[in-house]
N, C-alpha and C. Protein backbone atom coordinates (compact mmCIF):
# COMPACT_ATOMS: atom_id res chain seq x y z
N MET A 1 -53.50 49.48 28.03
CA MET A 1 -53.05 50.83 27.79
C MET A 1 -51.76 50.80 26.97
N TYR A 2 -51.66 51.69 26.01
CA TYR A 2 -50.46 51.82 25.19
C TYR A 2 -50.04 53.29 25.17
N PHE A 3 -48.74 53.52 25.18
CA PHE A 3 -48.26 54.89 25.08
C PHE A 3 -47.01 54.92 24.22
N ALA A 4 -46.70 56.11 23.72
CA ALA A 4 -45.49 56.29 22.92
C ALA A 4 -44.97 57.70 23.12
N ILE A 5 -43.67 57.85 22.98
CA ILE A 5 -43.03 59.16 23.08
C ILE A 5 -42.18 59.37 21.82
N ASP A 6 -42.30 60.53 21.24
CA ASP A 6 -41.50 60.89 20.06
C ASP A 6 -40.47 61.92 20.51
N HIS A 7 -39.20 61.50 20.56
CA HIS A 7 -38.13 62.38 21.01
C HIS A 7 -37.51 63.17 19.86
N THR A 8 -38.06 63.06 18.66
CA THR A 8 -37.47 63.73 17.50
C THR A 8 -38.11 65.10 17.25
N LEU A 9 -38.89 65.60 18.17
CA LEU A 9 -39.59 66.86 17.97
C LEU A 9 -38.68 68.01 17.55
N PRO A 10 -37.48 68.19 18.14
CA PRO A 10 -36.63 69.31 17.72
C PRO A 10 -36.23 69.27 16.24
N GLN A 11 -36.32 68.11 15.63
CA GLN A 11 -35.96 67.98 14.21
C GLN A 11 -37.11 68.36 13.28
N LEU A 12 -38.30 68.55 13.84
CA LEU A 12 -39.48 68.82 13.02
C LEU A 12 -39.56 70.33 12.75
N ARG A 13 -38.78 70.76 11.82
CA ARG A 13 -38.70 72.16 11.46
C ARG A 13 -38.64 72.30 9.93
N GLY A 14 -38.92 73.50 9.43
CA GLY A 14 -38.79 73.77 8.00
C GLY A 14 -39.61 72.86 7.13
N SER A 15 -38.96 72.24 6.16
CA SER A 15 -39.66 71.38 5.20
C SER A 15 -40.23 70.13 5.86
N ARG A 16 -39.56 69.63 6.90
CA ARG A 16 -40.08 68.45 7.60
C ARG A 16 -41.40 68.79 8.29
N LEU A 17 -41.48 69.96 8.86
CA LEU A 17 -42.72 70.36 9.51
C LEU A 17 -43.83 70.55 8.48
N GLU A 18 -43.52 71.15 7.36
CA GLU A 18 -44.54 71.34 6.31
C GLU A 18 -45.06 69.99 5.81
N ALA A 19 -44.16 69.02 5.69
CA ALA A 19 -44.59 67.68 5.26
C ALA A 19 -45.50 67.05 6.31
N ALA A 20 -45.18 67.26 7.60
CA ALA A 20 -46.03 66.73 8.66
C ALA A 20 -47.39 67.40 8.67
N LEU A 21 -47.43 68.70 8.46
CA LEU A 21 -48.69 69.43 8.44
C LEU A 21 -49.59 68.94 7.31
N CYS A 22 -48.99 68.56 6.21
CA CYS A 22 -49.77 68.06 5.06
C CYS A 22 -50.44 66.73 5.37
N GLN A 23 -49.96 66.01 6.38
CA GLN A 23 -50.56 64.73 6.75
C GLN A 23 -51.77 64.90 7.67
N LEU A 24 -51.99 66.11 8.15
CA LEU A 24 -53.07 66.36 9.09
C LEU A 24 -54.39 66.62 8.37
N PRO A 25 -55.51 66.31 9.02
CA PRO A 25 -56.79 66.74 8.47
C PRO A 25 -56.86 68.27 8.51
N ALA A 26 -57.73 68.84 7.71
CA ALA A 26 -57.78 70.30 7.57
C ALA A 26 -57.98 71.01 8.91
N TRP A 27 -58.85 70.47 9.78
CA TRP A 27 -59.14 71.16 11.04
C TRP A 27 -57.93 71.20 11.97
N ARG A 28 -57.16 70.08 12.00
CA ARG A 28 -55.98 70.05 12.86
C ARG A 28 -54.87 70.91 12.26
N ARG A 29 -54.73 70.91 10.95
CA ARG A 29 -53.73 71.75 10.29
C ARG A 29 -54.02 73.23 10.56
N GLU A 30 -55.30 73.59 10.53
CA GLU A 30 -55.68 74.97 10.82
C GLU A 30 -55.32 75.34 12.26
N GLU A 31 -55.56 74.41 13.19
CA GLU A 31 -55.18 74.65 14.58
C GLU A 31 -53.68 74.85 14.71
N ALA A 32 -52.90 73.99 14.04
CA ALA A 32 -51.45 74.07 14.12
C ALA A 32 -50.93 75.40 13.58
N ARG A 33 -51.51 75.88 12.51
CA ARG A 33 -51.02 77.12 11.89
C ARG A 33 -51.38 78.35 12.71
N LYS A 34 -52.24 78.21 13.70
CA LYS A 34 -52.58 79.34 14.57
C LYS A 34 -51.44 79.67 15.53
N PHE A 35 -50.55 78.70 15.77
CA PHE A 35 -49.44 78.95 16.67
C PHE A 35 -48.46 79.93 16.03
N LYS A 36 -48.03 80.90 16.81
CA LYS A 36 -47.14 81.93 16.28
C LYS A 36 -45.77 81.38 15.94
N PHE A 37 -45.29 80.48 16.80
CA PHE A 37 -43.94 79.97 16.62
C PHE A 37 -43.94 78.56 16.02
N GLU A 38 -42.88 78.25 15.33
CA GLU A 38 -42.74 76.96 14.66
C GLU A 38 -42.80 75.81 15.67
N SER A 39 -42.26 76.03 16.86
CA SER A 39 -42.25 74.97 17.87
C SER A 39 -43.67 74.56 18.25
N GLY A 40 -44.57 75.53 18.38
CA GLY A 40 -45.96 75.20 18.70
C GLY A 40 -46.64 74.43 17.58
N ARG A 41 -46.37 74.80 16.35
CA ARG A 41 -46.95 74.09 15.21
C ARG A 41 -46.42 72.66 15.15
N ALA A 42 -45.14 72.50 15.48
CA ALA A 42 -44.54 71.18 15.47
C ALA A 42 -45.15 70.29 16.55
N GLN A 43 -45.36 70.83 17.75
CA GLN A 43 -45.96 70.06 18.84
C GLN A 43 -47.37 69.63 18.49
N CYS A 44 -48.13 70.53 17.89
CA CYS A 44 -49.51 70.23 17.51
C CYS A 44 -49.56 69.11 16.46
N ALA A 45 -48.68 69.20 15.48
CA ALA A 45 -48.66 68.20 14.41
C ALA A 45 -48.14 66.86 14.91
N ALA A 46 -47.02 66.88 15.64
CA ALA A 46 -46.38 65.64 16.06
C ALA A 46 -47.24 64.85 17.04
N SER A 47 -47.91 65.54 17.96
CA SER A 47 -48.74 64.84 18.94
C SER A 47 -49.92 64.16 18.25
N TYR A 48 -50.52 64.83 17.27
CA TYR A 48 -51.65 64.23 16.56
C TYR A 48 -51.20 63.02 15.74
N LEU A 49 -50.09 63.14 15.06
CA LEU A 49 -49.60 62.02 14.23
C LEU A 49 -49.20 60.84 15.11
N LEU A 50 -48.67 61.12 16.29
CA LEU A 50 -48.32 60.04 17.21
C LEU A 50 -49.58 59.32 17.68
N LEU A 51 -50.63 60.09 17.99
CA LEU A 51 -51.90 59.49 18.37
C LEU A 51 -52.46 58.63 17.25
N CYS A 52 -52.42 59.12 16.02
CA CYS A 52 -52.91 58.34 14.88
C CYS A 52 -52.17 57.01 14.76
N ARG A 53 -50.86 57.04 15.00
CA ARG A 53 -50.06 55.82 14.91
C ARG A 53 -50.49 54.81 15.97
N LEU A 54 -50.72 55.28 17.20
CA LEU A 54 -51.16 54.38 18.27
C LEU A 54 -52.54 53.80 17.98
N LEU A 55 -53.46 54.63 17.53
CA LEU A 55 -54.82 54.16 17.24
C LEU A 55 -54.81 53.14 16.10
N ARG A 56 -54.00 53.40 15.10
CA ARG A 56 -53.92 52.48 13.95
C ARG A 56 -53.26 51.17 14.35
N THR A 57 -52.18 51.24 15.10
CA THR A 57 -51.41 50.05 15.45
C THR A 57 -52.14 49.15 16.44
N HIS A 58 -52.76 49.75 17.45
CA HIS A 58 -53.30 48.94 18.55
C HIS A 58 -54.81 48.75 18.51
N TYR A 59 -55.53 49.60 17.77
CA TYR A 59 -56.98 49.48 17.75
C TYR A 59 -57.58 49.43 16.35
N GLY A 60 -56.73 49.43 15.35
CA GLY A 60 -57.22 49.31 13.99
C GLY A 60 -58.02 50.50 13.49
N ILE A 61 -57.85 51.67 14.11
CA ILE A 61 -58.55 52.88 13.66
C ILE A 61 -57.68 53.57 12.62
N ALA A 62 -58.05 53.42 11.36
CA ALA A 62 -57.25 53.98 10.28
C ALA A 62 -57.68 55.41 9.94
N ALA A 63 -58.92 55.76 10.21
CA ALA A 63 -59.40 57.11 9.90
C ALA A 63 -58.74 58.13 10.82
N GLN A 64 -58.54 59.34 10.29
CA GLN A 64 -57.98 60.41 11.10
C GLN A 64 -59.00 60.85 12.14
N PRO A 65 -58.68 60.75 13.42
CA PRO A 65 -59.66 61.07 14.46
C PRO A 65 -59.92 62.56 14.58
N ARG A 66 -61.11 62.89 15.04
CA ARG A 66 -61.47 64.26 15.37
C ARG A 66 -61.83 64.30 16.84
N PHE A 67 -61.62 65.45 17.48
CA PHE A 67 -61.81 65.55 18.92
C PHE A 67 -63.09 66.32 19.26
N ILE A 68 -63.69 65.94 20.39
CA ILE A 68 -64.74 66.72 21.03
C ILE A 68 -64.32 66.94 22.47
N LEU A 69 -64.96 67.86 23.16
CA LEU A 69 -64.62 68.13 24.55
C LEU A 69 -65.60 67.42 25.47
N GLY A 70 -65.05 66.74 26.49
CA GLY A 70 -65.88 66.05 27.47
C GLY A 70 -66.47 67.03 28.47
N PRO A 71 -67.14 66.53 29.51
CA PRO A 71 -67.82 67.37 30.49
C PRO A 71 -66.92 68.40 31.17
N HIS A 72 -65.65 68.07 31.39
CA HIS A 72 -64.73 68.99 32.05
C HIS A 72 -63.74 69.63 31.08
N GLY A 73 -64.04 69.53 29.79
CA GLY A 73 -63.16 70.14 28.80
C GLY A 73 -62.03 69.25 28.34
N LYS A 74 -62.01 68.00 28.76
CA LYS A 74 -60.96 67.07 28.33
C LYS A 74 -61.28 66.56 26.94
N PRO A 75 -60.33 66.62 25.99
CA PRO A 75 -60.59 66.13 24.63
C PRO A 75 -60.89 64.64 24.61
N GLU A 76 -61.86 64.26 23.78
CA GLU A 76 -62.22 62.86 23.57
C GLU A 76 -62.31 62.61 22.07
N LEU A 77 -62.27 61.32 21.70
CA LEU A 77 -62.47 60.99 20.30
C LEU A 77 -63.92 61.23 19.91
N ALA A 78 -64.12 61.93 18.80
CA ALA A 78 -65.48 62.18 18.33
C ALA A 78 -66.12 60.87 17.90
N PRO A 79 -67.44 60.75 18.00
CA PRO A 79 -68.14 59.52 17.62
C PRO A 79 -67.87 59.08 16.20
N LEU A 80 -67.43 59.99 15.34
CA LEU A 80 -67.16 59.63 13.96
C LEU A 80 -66.10 58.54 13.87
N SER A 81 -65.24 58.46 14.88
CA SER A 81 -64.18 57.45 14.88
C SER A 81 -64.66 56.12 15.42
N LEU A 82 -65.93 56.06 15.83
CA LEU A 82 -66.46 54.85 16.43
C LEU A 82 -67.62 54.30 15.62
N SER A 83 -67.93 53.05 15.80
CA SER A 83 -69.06 52.43 15.14
C SER A 83 -70.35 52.81 15.85
N PRO A 84 -71.54 52.60 15.25
CA PRO A 84 -72.81 52.93 15.91
C PRO A 84 -72.99 52.23 17.25
N SER A 85 -72.35 51.09 17.44
CA SER A 85 -72.49 50.36 18.70
C SER A 85 -71.56 50.88 19.78
N GLY A 86 -70.74 51.89 19.46
CA GLY A 86 -69.82 52.44 20.43
C GLY A 86 -68.46 51.76 20.40
N GLU A 87 -68.25 50.90 19.41
CA GLU A 87 -66.97 50.23 19.29
C GLU A 87 -66.11 50.93 18.24
N THR A 88 -64.81 50.69 18.30
CA THR A 88 -63.91 51.28 17.34
C THR A 88 -64.05 50.59 16.00
N GLU A 89 -63.44 51.19 14.97
CA GLU A 89 -63.48 50.59 13.64
C GLU A 89 -62.87 49.19 13.64
N GLY A 90 -61.96 48.95 14.57
CA GLY A 90 -61.32 47.64 14.63
C GLY A 90 -62.15 46.60 15.35
N GLY A 91 -63.32 46.98 15.86
CA GLY A 91 -64.19 46.00 16.51
C GLY A 91 -64.05 45.91 18.00
N GLY A 92 -63.16 46.70 18.61
CA GLY A 92 -62.97 46.65 20.04
C GLY A 92 -63.80 47.71 20.75
N PRO A 93 -63.62 47.86 22.06
CA PRO A 93 -64.38 48.86 22.82
C PRO A 93 -63.93 50.28 22.48
N ALA A 94 -64.72 51.26 22.90
CA ALA A 94 -64.38 52.65 22.67
C ALA A 94 -63.02 52.97 23.28
N VAL A 95 -62.29 53.89 22.67
CA VAL A 95 -60.92 54.18 23.05
C VAL A 95 -60.82 55.59 23.65
N HIS A 96 -60.06 55.69 24.74
CA HIS A 96 -59.74 56.96 25.37
C HIS A 96 -58.31 57.34 25.01
N PHE A 97 -57.99 58.62 25.06
CA PHE A 97 -56.63 59.05 24.73
C PHE A 97 -56.27 60.28 25.53
N ASN A 98 -54.98 60.58 25.56
CA ASN A 98 -54.50 61.83 26.12
C ASN A 98 -53.16 62.17 25.48
N LEU A 99 -52.89 63.46 25.32
CA LEU A 99 -51.67 63.92 24.68
C LEU A 99 -50.93 64.88 25.59
N SER A 100 -49.61 64.98 25.39
CA SER A 100 -48.80 65.95 26.13
C SER A 100 -47.57 66.26 25.30
N HIS A 101 -46.96 67.39 25.58
CA HIS A 101 -45.73 67.74 24.87
C HIS A 101 -44.90 68.72 25.70
N CYS A 102 -43.61 68.73 25.41
CA CYS A 102 -42.69 69.72 25.95
C CYS A 102 -41.82 70.16 24.78
N ASN A 103 -40.79 70.93 25.02
CA ASN A 103 -39.97 71.44 23.91
C ASN A 103 -39.12 70.37 23.24
N GLU A 104 -38.95 69.23 23.91
CA GLU A 104 -38.07 68.19 23.38
C GLU A 104 -38.80 66.96 22.86
N ALA A 105 -40.08 66.78 23.23
CA ALA A 105 -40.76 65.53 22.88
C ALA A 105 -42.27 65.70 22.97
N VAL A 106 -42.97 64.77 22.33
CA VAL A 106 -44.43 64.68 22.48
C VAL A 106 -44.74 63.27 22.98
N ALA A 107 -45.87 63.15 23.69
CA ALA A 107 -46.27 61.86 24.25
C ALA A 107 -47.76 61.66 24.02
N ALA A 108 -48.15 60.41 23.83
CA ALA A 108 -49.56 60.06 23.64
C ALA A 108 -49.84 58.74 24.33
N ALA A 109 -51.06 58.61 24.86
CA ALA A 109 -51.50 57.36 25.49
C ALA A 109 -52.89 57.05 25.00
N VAL A 110 -53.16 55.76 24.77
CA VAL A 110 -54.49 55.30 24.37
C VAL A 110 -54.86 54.11 25.24
N SER A 111 -56.15 53.98 25.52
CA SER A 111 -56.59 52.91 26.41
C SER A 111 -58.09 52.71 26.25
N THR A 112 -58.56 51.53 26.64
CA THR A 112 -60.01 51.30 26.69
C THR A 112 -60.62 51.87 27.97
N GLN A 113 -59.77 52.42 28.84
CA GLN A 113 -60.21 53.10 30.06
C GLN A 113 -59.65 54.53 30.05
N PRO A 114 -60.25 55.45 30.81
CA PRO A 114 -59.70 56.81 30.86
C PRO A 114 -58.23 56.82 31.21
N VAL A 115 -57.49 57.77 30.65
CA VAL A 115 -56.05 57.82 30.82
C VAL A 115 -55.60 59.28 30.80
N GLY A 116 -54.52 59.56 31.53
CA GLY A 116 -53.91 60.88 31.50
C GLY A 116 -52.41 60.72 31.33
N ILE A 117 -51.78 61.66 30.62
CA ILE A 117 -50.34 61.57 30.41
C ILE A 117 -49.74 62.97 30.47
N ASP A 118 -48.54 63.06 31.00
CA ASP A 118 -47.83 64.34 31.04
C ASP A 118 -46.36 64.11 30.82
N ILE A 119 -45.74 64.97 30.02
CA ILE A 119 -44.30 64.91 29.79
C ILE A 119 -43.74 66.31 30.03
N GLU A 120 -42.64 66.38 30.77
CA GLU A 120 -42.04 67.66 31.12
C GLU A 120 -40.52 67.57 31.01
N LEU A 121 -39.91 68.70 30.65
CA LEU A 121 -38.46 68.78 30.65
C LEU A 121 -37.93 68.78 32.08
N ARG A 122 -36.78 68.17 32.28
CA ARG A 122 -36.11 68.27 33.56
C ARG A 122 -35.52 69.67 33.70
N GLY A 123 -35.25 70.07 34.94
CA GLY A 123 -34.68 71.39 35.18
C GLY A 123 -35.75 72.44 35.40
N ARG A 124 -36.92 72.05 35.90
CA ARG A 124 -38.02 73.00 36.07
C ARG A 124 -38.33 73.29 37.53
N TYR A 125 -37.47 72.88 38.45
CA TYR A 125 -37.77 73.08 39.87
C TYR A 125 -37.88 74.55 40.22
N SER A 126 -38.93 74.88 40.97
CA SER A 126 -39.14 76.22 41.50
C SER A 126 -39.66 76.06 42.92
N ALA A 127 -38.99 76.68 43.87
CA ALA A 127 -39.42 76.57 45.26
C ALA A 127 -40.82 77.12 45.46
N ASP A 128 -41.14 78.22 44.78
CA ASP A 128 -42.47 78.83 44.91
C ASP A 128 -43.55 77.90 44.37
N VAL A 129 -43.30 77.31 43.20
CA VAL A 129 -44.27 76.39 42.61
C VAL A 129 -44.40 75.15 43.49
N ALA A 130 -43.29 74.66 44.01
CA ALA A 130 -43.33 73.48 44.87
C ALA A 130 -44.21 73.73 46.09
N ARG A 131 -44.07 74.90 46.70
CA ARG A 131 -44.90 75.21 47.87
C ARG A 131 -46.38 75.31 47.49
N TYR A 132 -46.66 75.68 46.26
CA TYR A 132 -48.04 75.84 45.80
C TYR A 132 -48.73 74.50 45.56
N VAL A 133 -47.98 73.51 45.03
CA VAL A 133 -48.62 72.25 44.61
C VAL A 133 -48.29 71.06 45.49
N CYS A 134 -47.32 71.17 46.38
CA CYS A 134 -46.85 70.01 47.14
C CYS A 134 -47.32 70.04 48.59
N SER A 135 -47.60 68.85 49.10
CA SER A 135 -47.93 68.71 50.52
C SER A 135 -46.66 68.84 51.35
N ALA A 136 -46.83 68.94 52.66
CA ALA A 136 -45.68 69.04 53.56
C ALA A 136 -44.77 67.82 53.42
N GLU A 137 -45.37 66.65 53.30
CA GLU A 137 -44.58 65.42 53.15
C GLU A 137 -43.81 65.44 51.83
N GLU A 138 -44.43 65.92 50.79
CA GLU A 138 -43.77 65.98 49.49
C GLU A 138 -42.63 67.00 49.51
N LEU A 139 -42.82 68.12 50.18
CA LEU A 139 -41.75 69.11 50.30
C LEU A 139 -40.56 68.53 51.06
N ASP A 140 -40.83 67.76 52.09
CA ASP A 140 -39.74 67.11 52.84
C ASP A 140 -38.99 66.13 51.93
N PHE A 141 -39.74 65.41 51.11
CA PHE A 141 -39.12 64.47 50.18
C PHE A 141 -38.22 65.20 49.18
N LEU A 142 -38.66 66.35 48.70
CA LEU A 142 -37.86 67.12 47.75
C LEU A 142 -36.58 67.63 48.39
N ALA A 143 -36.67 68.02 49.67
CA ALA A 143 -35.52 68.61 50.35
C ALA A 143 -34.55 67.59 50.91
N ALA A 144 -34.94 66.33 50.93
CA ALA A 144 -34.12 65.29 51.57
C ALA A 144 -32.76 65.13 50.91
N ASP A 145 -32.70 65.32 49.61
CA ASP A 145 -31.43 65.17 48.88
C ASP A 145 -31.35 66.28 47.84
N PRO A 146 -30.62 67.37 48.13
CA PRO A 146 -30.55 68.51 47.21
C PRO A 146 -30.11 68.13 45.79
N ALA A 147 -29.30 67.09 45.66
CA ALA A 147 -28.84 66.69 44.34
C ALA A 147 -29.97 66.11 43.49
N LEU A 148 -31.04 65.65 44.15
CA LEU A 148 -32.15 65.03 43.44
C LEU A 148 -33.42 65.88 43.46
N THR A 149 -33.33 67.07 44.04
CA THR A 149 -34.54 67.90 44.20
C THR A 149 -35.22 68.16 42.87
N ASP A 150 -34.46 68.58 41.87
CA ASP A 150 -35.09 68.91 40.58
C ASP A 150 -35.72 67.69 39.94
N LEU A 151 -35.01 66.57 39.91
CA LEU A 151 -35.55 65.36 39.31
C LEU A 151 -36.81 64.91 40.04
N ARG A 152 -36.76 64.90 41.36
CA ARG A 152 -37.91 64.47 42.14
C ARG A 152 -39.10 65.40 41.92
N PHE A 153 -38.84 66.70 41.82
CA PHE A 153 -39.92 67.65 41.58
C PHE A 153 -40.56 67.42 40.21
N THR A 154 -39.73 67.21 39.20
CA THR A 154 -40.26 66.99 37.86
C THR A 154 -41.07 65.70 37.81
N GLN A 155 -40.58 64.66 38.46
CA GLN A 155 -41.34 63.40 38.53
C GLN A 155 -42.68 63.63 39.24
N LEU A 156 -42.63 64.34 40.36
CA LEU A 156 -43.84 64.60 41.13
C LEU A 156 -44.82 65.46 40.35
N TRP A 157 -44.30 66.47 39.66
CA TRP A 157 -45.17 67.34 38.86
C TRP A 157 -45.89 66.54 37.77
N THR A 158 -45.16 65.69 37.06
CA THR A 158 -45.80 64.91 35.99
C THR A 158 -46.84 63.96 36.55
N ARG A 159 -46.60 63.44 37.74
CA ARG A 159 -47.57 62.54 38.36
C ARG A 159 -48.85 63.29 38.72
N LYS A 160 -48.69 64.49 39.25
CA LYS A 160 -49.86 65.29 39.58
C LYS A 160 -50.61 65.73 38.32
N GLU A 161 -49.86 66.16 37.33
CA GLU A 161 -50.52 66.64 36.10
C GLU A 161 -51.21 65.50 35.36
N ALA A 162 -50.56 64.35 35.28
CA ALA A 162 -51.19 63.20 34.62
C ALA A 162 -52.46 62.80 35.35
N ALA A 163 -52.43 62.80 36.68
CA ALA A 163 -53.61 62.46 37.47
C ALA A 163 -54.72 63.49 37.26
N ALA A 164 -54.35 64.78 37.24
CA ALA A 164 -55.34 65.83 37.02
C ALA A 164 -55.94 65.74 35.62
N LYS A 165 -55.14 65.36 34.64
CA LYS A 165 -55.65 65.21 33.29
C LYS A 165 -56.56 63.98 33.18
N LEU A 166 -56.24 62.95 33.95
CA LEU A 166 -57.12 61.78 34.00
C LEU A 166 -58.50 62.19 34.53
N ILE A 167 -58.50 62.98 35.60
CA ILE A 167 -59.76 63.45 36.17
C ILE A 167 -60.45 64.40 35.21
N GLY A 168 -59.63 65.22 34.53
CA GLY A 168 -60.17 66.20 33.60
C GLY A 168 -60.21 67.60 34.16
N THR A 169 -59.55 67.84 35.31
CA THR A 169 -59.62 69.14 35.97
C THR A 169 -58.47 70.06 35.64
N GLY A 170 -57.28 69.51 35.36
CA GLY A 170 -56.11 70.35 35.13
C GLY A 170 -55.53 70.87 36.44
N LEU A 171 -54.38 71.54 36.33
CA LEU A 171 -53.66 72.03 37.52
C LEU A 171 -54.05 73.47 37.80
N SER A 172 -55.21 73.67 38.40
CA SER A 172 -55.69 75.04 38.64
C SER A 172 -55.84 75.37 40.12
N ASP A 173 -56.04 74.39 40.95
CA ASP A 173 -56.31 74.60 42.37
C ASP A 173 -55.17 74.05 43.20
N GLY A 174 -54.34 74.96 43.74
CA GLY A 174 -53.18 74.53 44.49
C GLY A 174 -53.51 73.69 45.70
N GLU A 175 -54.56 74.03 46.43
CA GLU A 175 -54.90 73.29 47.64
C GLU A 175 -55.29 71.84 47.32
N SER A 176 -56.08 71.64 46.28
CA SER A 176 -56.47 70.28 45.92
C SER A 176 -55.29 69.50 45.36
N LEU A 177 -54.37 70.20 44.70
CA LEU A 177 -53.19 69.54 44.15
C LEU A 177 -52.29 68.99 45.24
N LYS A 178 -52.24 69.68 46.37
CA LYS A 178 -51.36 69.24 47.44
C LYS A 178 -51.71 67.84 47.92
N GLY A 179 -52.99 67.51 47.95
CA GLY A 179 -53.40 66.19 48.42
C GLY A 179 -53.83 65.26 47.32
N LEU A 180 -53.54 65.63 46.07
CA LEU A 180 -54.03 64.84 44.93
C LEU A 180 -53.56 63.40 44.96
N LEU A 181 -52.32 63.19 45.38
CA LEU A 181 -51.74 61.84 45.34
C LEU A 181 -51.75 61.17 46.71
N ALA A 182 -52.53 61.69 47.63
CA ALA A 182 -52.50 61.19 49.01
C ALA A 182 -53.13 59.81 49.14
N THR A 183 -54.00 59.44 48.23
CA THR A 183 -54.64 58.12 48.28
C THR A 183 -54.24 57.32 47.04
N PRO A 184 -54.32 55.99 47.12
CA PRO A 184 -53.92 55.14 45.99
C PRO A 184 -55.03 54.97 44.95
N ARG A 185 -55.75 56.07 44.64
CA ARG A 185 -56.83 55.92 43.67
C ARG A 185 -56.33 55.92 42.23
N PHE A 186 -55.04 56.26 42.05
CA PHE A 186 -54.46 56.27 40.71
C PHE A 186 -53.38 55.18 40.59
N ILE A 187 -53.23 54.66 39.39
CA ILE A 187 -52.06 53.87 39.04
C ILE A 187 -51.18 54.78 38.20
N LEU A 188 -49.99 55.09 38.70
CA LEU A 188 -49.10 56.05 38.07
C LEU A 188 -47.82 55.36 37.63
N THR A 189 -47.48 55.50 36.38
CA THR A 189 -46.26 54.89 35.83
C THR A 189 -45.38 56.01 35.30
N THR A 190 -44.21 56.17 35.89
CA THR A 190 -43.31 57.27 35.55
C THR A 190 -42.07 56.75 34.84
N HIS A 191 -41.74 57.40 33.72
CA HIS A 191 -40.55 57.06 32.94
C HIS A 191 -39.62 58.27 32.93
N THR A 192 -38.36 58.06 33.28
CA THR A 192 -37.38 59.14 33.35
C THR A 192 -36.35 58.98 32.23
N TYR A 193 -36.15 60.06 31.48
CA TYR A 193 -35.21 60.07 30.37
C TYR A 193 -34.14 61.13 30.64
N ASP A 194 -33.17 61.22 29.74
CA ASP A 194 -32.07 62.16 29.94
C ASP A 194 -32.56 63.60 30.07
N SER A 195 -33.52 63.99 29.23
CA SER A 195 -33.95 65.39 29.21
C SER A 195 -35.35 65.62 29.73
N CYS A 196 -36.11 64.56 29.93
CA CYS A 196 -37.51 64.75 30.31
C CYS A 196 -38.02 63.60 31.17
N VAL A 197 -39.22 63.81 31.72
CA VAL A 197 -39.90 62.81 32.54
C VAL A 197 -41.34 62.70 32.04
N CYS A 198 -41.85 61.47 31.99
CA CYS A 198 -43.22 61.25 31.52
C CYS A 198 -43.94 60.33 32.49
N THR A 199 -45.18 60.67 32.82
CA THR A 199 -46.01 59.84 33.70
C THR A 199 -47.36 59.57 33.03
N ILE A 200 -47.81 58.32 33.14
CA ILE A 200 -49.14 57.93 32.66
C ILE A 200 -49.99 57.60 33.88
N ALA A 201 -51.22 58.11 33.91
CA ALA A 201 -52.13 57.89 35.03
C ALA A 201 -53.37 57.13 34.57
N GLN A 202 -53.76 56.14 35.37
CA GLN A 202 -55.01 55.40 35.15
C GLN A 202 -55.69 55.25 36.52
N TRP A 203 -56.98 54.96 36.47
CA TRP A 203 -57.70 54.72 37.71
C TRP A 203 -57.31 53.36 38.30
N ASN A 204 -57.19 53.30 39.61
CA ASN A 204 -56.91 52.05 40.32
C ASN A 204 -58.26 51.38 40.60
N SER A 205 -58.59 50.38 39.84
CA SER A 205 -59.91 49.75 39.96
C SER A 205 -60.12 49.06 41.29
N SER A 206 -59.05 48.74 42.00
CA SER A 206 -59.18 48.06 43.29
C SER A 206 -59.33 49.02 44.46
N TYR A 207 -59.18 50.32 44.20
CA TYR A 207 -59.27 51.30 45.29
C TYR A 207 -60.72 51.60 45.64
N ARG A 208 -61.01 51.59 46.91
CA ARG A 208 -62.35 51.92 47.40
C ARG A 208 -62.21 53.01 48.47
N GLU A 209 -62.96 54.10 48.32
CA GLU A 209 -62.90 55.20 49.28
C GLU A 209 -63.61 54.83 50.58
């Protein structure tokens, strides 16, 4: 599994953004221009270009990828990016990916196995949201040290969202989210930065229900 984070997103404005949009295939550029605000167009462009860089660097996929939706609506690489045998242009196995963004950065992960990634700004703690998505044990953990409540909540949120994106369900059902991390069926890697937190989720191949 490989991942990357681009922290230069706030700089992608004006002429820099237009230059980035010109690097996109027509379909992705059209999607980006649908966003009303410049920030949305920048996130759309930057996340795609970051994905292209990872695919090119680690899997030898030089062509601009196109997306299709999987069974649960999770974006996947279209077969056009793969060989007839199901391998990538670089000769390796089929590649999975996931993208995420916040106002300060974009993140991308690629792997030969399913993967989920989420990046969020720090400072997003909400008691109401915490009660909606967190188990009793998790709420106790958040309350144990008020100075760390926000950081712990953001870390926990990214872990849940990355896991939900790995599954392909998204964060829609509060009851299922409360117990989402109760078993070790996921391998979760969390990175904490000055302004944001990012978690990558993969399946734990050694876990048996």
